[in-house]
Amino acid sequence: MKKSEKGIKKFTEAEKLAILKEAQINGVKDTLAKYELYPATFYYWKRNYSSLGEEGLKHKNKEVNQQLKDLIAENSNLKILLAEKELELKYPELSLKKARHAWKKWKWSEK
């Protein structure tokens, strides 16, 4: 464990894994007191380890997190587009009404 000037502790992946295993054996409360960890930090590690394995215990940099957020936003937008296309295929009369309404609006705005 490295401790910075500000008092921030940095644990390696091996140390995090050892702490998780020790908590299973000795109990969470005692382990957190021994390493002076916040429960939120411990459960964050535990959740990442259970979902991603040892890869979840690695330090993530800001660039990777930003890429992940961008991909999630793009995925959300694509889902919305797909849902709109599905609705247009299922109810084509709705899209025709929208198109006629937009055409009338455009026609009147030019005059």
Protein backbone atom coordinates (compact mmCIF):
# COMPACT_ATOMS: atom_id res chain seq x y z
CA MET A 1 0.00 0.00 0.00
CA LYS A 2 1.27 3.43 -0.96
CA LYS A 3 0.14 6.49 0.92
CA SER A 4 0.30 9.90 -0.74
CA GLU A 5 1.02 13.24 0.91
CA LYS A 6 -2.71 13.92 1.10
CA GLY A 7 -3.26 10.64 2.92
CA ILE A 8 -4.77 8.80 -0.04
CA LYS A 9 -4.02 5.08 0.07
CA LYS A 10 -3.26 3.18 -3.14
CA PHE A 11 -3.59 -0.59 -3.05
CA THR A 12 -2.27 -2.92 -5.73
CA GLU A 13 -4.57 -5.50 -7.32
CA ALA A 14 -2.91 -8.26 -5.27
CA GLU A 15 -3.46 -6.34 -2.03
CA LYS A 16 -7.10 -5.71 -2.88
CA LEU A 17 -7.63 -9.39 -3.62
CA ALA A 18 -5.93 -10.36 -0.34
CA ILE A 19 -8.15 -7.93 1.58
CA LEU A 20 -11.29 -9.36 -0.05
CA LYS A 21 -10.25 -12.91 0.85
CA GLU A 22 -9.30 -11.90 4.37
CA ALA A 23 -12.71 -10.29 4.83
CA GLN A 24 -14.36 -13.60 3.93
CA ILE A 25 -12.34 -15.38 6.60
CA ASN A 26 -12.14 -12.82 9.43
CA GLY A 27 -15.24 -10.76 8.73
CA VAL A 28 -15.70 -7.45 6.99
CA LYS A 29 -15.78 -5.22 10.05
CA ASP A 30 -12.47 -6.47 11.49
CA THR A 31 -10.73 -6.36 8.11
CA LEU A 32 -11.89 -2.80 7.40
CA ALA A 33 -10.65 -1.68 10.81
CA LYS A 34 -7.28 -3.38 10.28
CA TYR A 35 -6.65 -1.65 6.93
CA GLU A 36 -8.50 1.57 7.80
CA LEU A 37 -10.81 1.22 4.79
CA TYR A 38 -14.20 2.75 4.22
CA PRO A 39 -17.01 0.23 3.72
CA ALA A 40 -17.94 1.91 0.43
CA THR A 41 -14.44 1.27 -0.93
CA PHE A 42 -14.52 -2.36 0.15
CA TYR A 43 -17.94 -3.02 -1.38
CA TYR A 44 -16.90 -1.19 -4.57
CA TRP A 45 -13.94 -3.56 -4.89
CA LYS A 46 -16.14 -6.54 -4.08
CA ARG A 47 -18.75 -5.58 -6.69
CA ASN A 48 -16.11 -5.05 -9.37
CA TYR A 49 -14.36 -8.30 -8.49
CA SER A 50 -17.59 -10.30 -8.61
CA SER A 51 -18.58 -8.87 -11.99
CA LEU A 52 -15.22 -8.48 -13.78
CA GLY A 53 -12.85 -10.73 -11.84
CA GLU A 54 -9.31 -9.55 -11.21
CA GLU A 55 -9.64 -7.08 -14.10
CA GLY A 56 -12.16 -5.17 -11.98
CA LEU A 57 -9.54 -4.51 -9.30
CA LYS A 58 -7.17 -2.65 -11.64
CA HIS A 59 -6.84 1.11 -11.47
CA LYS A 60 -8.83 2.81 -14.19
CA ASN A 61 -7.70 6.01 -15.78
CA LYS A 62 -9.97 8.92 -16.67
CA GLU A 63 -9.63 8.37 -20.41
CA VAL A 64 -10.99 4.82 -20.22
CA ASN A 65 -13.87 5.96 -18.02
CA GLN A 66 -14.72 8.76 -20.48
CA GLN A 67 -14.66 6.32 -23.40
CA LEU A 68 -17.00 4.02 -21.50
CA LYS A 69 -19.42 6.88 -20.77
CA ASP A 70 -19.33 7.93 -24.44
CA LEU A 71 -20.06 4.38 -25.57
CA ILE A 72 -22.97 4.10 -23.13
CA ALA A 73 -24.44 7.37 -24.41
CA GLU A 74 -24.01 6.28 -28.03
CA ASN A 75 -25.63 2.94 -27.26
CA SER A 76 -28.58 4.72 -25.67
CA ASN A 77 -29.02 6.95 -28.72
CA LEU A 78 -28.88 3.95 -31.04
CA LYS A 79 -31.54 2.17 -29.01
CA ILE A 80 -33.81 5.21 -29.34
CA LEU A 81 -33.25 5.34 -33.10
CA LEU A 82 -34.00 1.64 -33.40
CA ALA A 83 -37.19 2.01 -31.38
CA GLU A 84 -38.33 4.89 -33.63
CA LYS A 85 -37.66 2.83 -36.77
CA GLU A 86 -39.57 -0.11 -35.31
CA LEU A 87 -42.53 2.17 -34.61
CA GLU A 88 -42.41 3.54 -38.16
CA LEU A 89 -42.47 0.01 -39.56
CA LYS A 90 -45.27 -1.07 -37.28
CA TYR A 91 -47.38 2.07 -37.72
CA PRO A 92 -46.48 3.62 -41.08
CA GLU A 93 -49.48 5.98 -40.97
CA LEU A 94 -47.90 7.84 -38.05
CA SER A 95 -44.76 8.66 -40.01
CA LEU A 96 -46.83 9.79 -43.02
CA LYS A 97 -48.83 12.15 -40.83
CA LYS A 98 -45.63 13.59 -39.39
CA ALA A 99 -44.18 14.04 -42.88
CA ARG A 100 -47.35 15.78 -44.19
CA HIS A 101 -47.43 18.05 -41.15
CA ALA A 102 -43.76 18.97 -41.57
CA TRP A 103 -44.29 19.57 -45.30
CA LYS A 104 -47.21 21.94 -44.66
CA LYS A 105 -45.22 23.78 -42.03
CA TRP A 106 -42.28 24.17 -44.39
CA LYS A 107 -44.47 25.25 -47.28
CA TRP A 108 -46.11 28.02 -45.24
CA SER A 109 -42.83 29.28 -43.85
CA GLU A 110 -41.45 29.94 -47.37
CA LYS A 111 -44.31 32.25 -48.40
